[in-house]
N, C-alpha and C. Protein backbone atom coordinates (compact mmCIF):
# COMPACT_ATOMS: atom_id res chain seq x y z
N UNK A 1 109.02 6.77 273.64
CA UNK A 1 107.63 7.19 273.70
C UNK A 1 107.37 7.83 275.07
N UNK A 2 106.72 8.96 275.07
CA UNK A 2 106.41 9.68 276.30
C UNK A 2 105.17 9.05 276.93
N UNK A 3 105.22 8.91 278.24
CA UNK A 3 104.12 8.29 278.95
C UNK A 3 102.91 9.23 278.99
N UNK A 4 101.74 8.69 278.68
CA UNK A 4 100.50 9.46 278.71
C UNK A 4 99.96 9.46 280.13
N UNK A 5 99.60 10.62 280.65
CA UNK A 5 99.09 10.74 282.00
C UNK A 5 97.65 11.24 281.95
N UNK A 6 96.88 10.90 282.98
CA UNK A 6 95.51 11.37 283.11
C UNK A 6 95.40 12.27 284.32
N UNK A 7 94.52 13.25 284.22
CA UNK A 7 94.28 14.16 285.33
C UNK A 7 93.68 13.39 286.50
N UNK A 8 94.18 13.63 287.69
CA UNK A 8 93.71 12.91 288.87
C UNK A 8 92.31 13.36 289.29
N UNK A 9 91.86 14.52 288.83
CA UNK A 9 90.53 15.00 289.22
C UNK A 9 89.49 14.73 288.14
N UNK A 10 89.73 15.22 286.92
CA UNK A 10 88.69 15.11 285.89
C UNK A 10 88.83 13.88 285.01
N UNK A 11 90.02 13.30 284.94
CA UNK A 11 90.22 12.10 284.14
C UNK A 11 90.63 12.34 282.71
N UNK A 12 90.75 13.59 282.28
CA UNK A 12 91.17 13.89 280.91
C UNK A 12 92.65 13.60 280.71
N UNK A 13 93.02 13.35 279.47
CA UNK A 13 94.43 13.10 279.14
C UNK A 13 95.22 14.41 279.22
N UNK A 14 96.46 14.31 279.70
CA UNK A 14 97.33 15.47 279.82
C UNK A 14 98.42 15.34 278.76
N UNK A 15 98.56 16.37 277.96
CA UNK A 15 99.60 16.39 276.94
C UNK A 15 100.98 16.44 277.60
N UNK A 16 101.97 15.76 277.03
CA UNK A 16 103.32 15.82 277.59
C UNK A 16 103.86 17.25 277.61
N UNK A 17 104.45 17.65 278.73
CA UNK A 17 105.01 18.98 278.87
C UNK A 17 104.04 20.00 279.41
N UNK A 18 102.82 19.56 279.74
CA UNK A 18 101.81 20.47 280.29
C UNK A 18 101.29 19.90 281.61
N UNK A 19 100.50 20.69 282.32
CA UNK A 19 99.90 20.24 283.56
C UNK A 19 100.81 20.44 284.76
N UNK A 20 100.31 20.00 285.91
CA UNK A 20 101.06 20.11 287.15
C UNK A 20 101.08 18.77 287.87
N UNK A 21 102.17 18.53 288.59
CA UNK A 21 102.29 17.34 289.41
C UNK A 21 102.34 17.78 290.87
N UNK A 22 101.51 17.17 291.70
CA UNK A 22 101.47 17.48 293.13
C UNK A 22 101.80 16.21 293.89
N UNK A 23 102.77 16.30 294.82
CA UNK A 23 103.19 15.14 295.60
C UNK A 23 102.93 15.43 297.07
N UNK A 24 102.16 14.56 297.71
CA UNK A 24 101.89 14.70 299.14
C UNK A 24 103.10 14.24 299.94
N UNK A 25 103.08 14.55 301.22
CA UNK A 25 104.19 14.14 302.08
C UNK A 25 104.32 12.63 302.20
N UNK A 26 103.22 11.91 302.02
CA UNK A 26 103.28 10.45 302.11
C UNK A 26 103.72 9.80 300.79
N UNK A 27 104.00 10.62 299.76
CA UNK A 27 104.51 10.11 298.50
C UNK A 27 103.45 9.89 297.44
N UNK A 28 102.19 10.18 297.73
CA UNK A 28 101.12 10.04 296.75
C UNK A 28 101.26 11.12 295.68
N UNK A 29 101.19 10.72 294.41
CA UNK A 29 101.39 11.65 293.31
C UNK A 29 100.04 11.92 292.63
N UNK A 30 99.73 13.19 292.39
CA UNK A 30 98.53 13.61 291.68
C UNK A 30 98.95 14.45 290.50
N UNK A 31 98.27 14.28 289.37
CA UNK A 31 98.52 15.07 288.16
C UNK A 31 97.27 15.87 287.85
N UNK A 32 97.44 17.14 287.51
CA UNK A 32 96.32 18.01 287.19
C UNK A 32 96.53 18.64 285.82
N UNK A 33 95.45 18.71 285.04
CA UNK A 33 95.54 19.28 283.70
C UNK A 33 95.39 20.79 283.73
N UNK A 34 94.74 21.33 284.77
CA UNK A 34 94.51 22.77 284.84
C UNK A 34 94.40 23.21 286.30
N UNK A 35 94.45 24.51 286.51
CA UNK A 35 94.27 25.03 287.86
C UNK A 35 92.84 24.85 288.34
N UNK A 36 91.90 24.74 287.41
CA UNK A 36 90.51 24.46 287.77
C UNK A 36 90.41 23.12 288.49
N UNK A 37 91.06 22.12 287.96
CA UNK A 37 91.06 20.79 288.59
C UNK A 37 91.84 20.82 289.90
N UNK A 38 92.96 21.50 289.91
CA UNK A 38 93.78 21.56 291.11
C UNK A 38 93.04 22.25 292.26
N UNK A 39 92.37 23.36 291.97
CA UNK A 39 91.64 24.08 293.01
C UNK A 39 90.44 23.29 293.53
N UNK A 40 89.73 22.60 292.65
CA UNK A 40 88.61 21.77 293.09
C UNK A 40 89.10 20.63 293.98
N UNK A 41 90.24 20.05 293.64
CA UNK A 41 90.83 18.99 294.46
C UNK A 41 91.24 19.53 295.83
N UNK A 42 91.86 20.72 295.84
CA UNK A 42 92.32 21.33 297.07
C UNK A 42 91.15 21.69 297.99
N UNK A 43 90.01 22.05 297.40
CA UNK A 43 88.81 22.37 298.18
C UNK A 43 88.12 21.14 298.74
N UNK A 44 88.58 19.96 298.35
CA UNK A 44 88.03 18.73 298.89
C UNK A 44 86.80 18.22 298.17
N UNK A 45 86.55 18.72 296.96
CA UNK A 45 85.39 18.28 296.21
C UNK A 45 85.62 16.90 295.62
N UNK A 46 84.57 16.10 295.61
CA UNK A 46 84.62 14.77 295.01
C UNK A 46 84.35 14.90 293.52
N UNK A 47 85.17 14.28 292.69
CA UNK A 47 85.02 14.42 291.25
C UNK A 47 83.72 13.79 290.76
N UNK A 48 83.17 12.83 291.48
CA UNK A 48 81.92 12.21 291.05
C UNK A 48 80.70 13.11 291.26
N UNK A 49 80.86 14.18 292.04
CA UNK A 49 79.76 15.13 292.27
C UNK A 49 79.86 16.38 291.40
N UNK A 50 80.92 16.48 290.61
CA UNK A 50 81.11 17.62 289.72
C UNK A 50 80.69 17.18 288.32
N UNK A 51 79.69 17.83 287.71
CA UNK A 51 79.11 17.31 286.47
C UNK A 51 80.02 17.31 285.24
N UNK A 52 81.07 18.11 285.19
CA UNK A 52 81.92 18.17 284.00
C UNK A 52 83.06 17.16 284.00
N UNK A 53 83.22 16.37 285.07
CA UNK A 53 84.27 15.37 285.10
C UNK A 53 83.76 14.05 284.53
N UNK A 54 84.67 13.17 284.17
CA UNK A 54 84.27 11.86 283.65
C UNK A 54 83.54 11.05 284.72
N UNK A 55 84.02 11.12 285.97
CA UNK A 55 83.36 10.40 287.06
C UNK A 55 81.98 10.98 287.34
N UNK A 56 81.85 12.28 287.22
CA UNK A 56 80.56 12.93 287.44
C UNK A 56 79.55 12.56 286.37
N UNK A 57 79.99 12.50 285.12
CA UNK A 57 79.08 12.10 284.04
C UNK A 57 78.64 10.66 284.19
N UNK A 58 79.56 9.82 284.63
CA UNK A 58 79.23 8.41 284.83
C UNK A 58 78.26 8.24 285.99
N UNK A 59 78.44 9.02 287.07
CA UNK A 59 77.56 8.94 288.23
C UNK A 59 76.15 9.41 287.91
N UNK A 60 76.03 10.36 286.97
CA UNK A 60 74.72 10.89 286.59
C UNK A 60 74.05 10.07 285.49
N UNK A 61 74.74 9.06 284.98
CA UNK A 61 74.17 8.22 283.96
C UNK A 61 74.28 8.76 282.55
N UNK A 62 75.16 9.73 282.33
CA UNK A 62 75.32 10.32 281.00
C UNK A 62 76.25 9.48 280.11
N UNK A 63 77.13 8.71 280.72
CA UNK A 63 78.05 7.87 279.94
C UNK A 63 77.96 6.44 280.40
């Protein structure tokens, strides 16, 4: 069985064989489902302040 991964920025599930893995020099691993998530992460945006992410919807009281 292939391990299911979640996007480190938006929280959506990533299908096996898709997405990107980013590893920092300290060994921290991040998984991204799209370049949209990767670019927002690189810009330093907090996922809880972006309305289309799961954390953002939870912070706004939508979920």
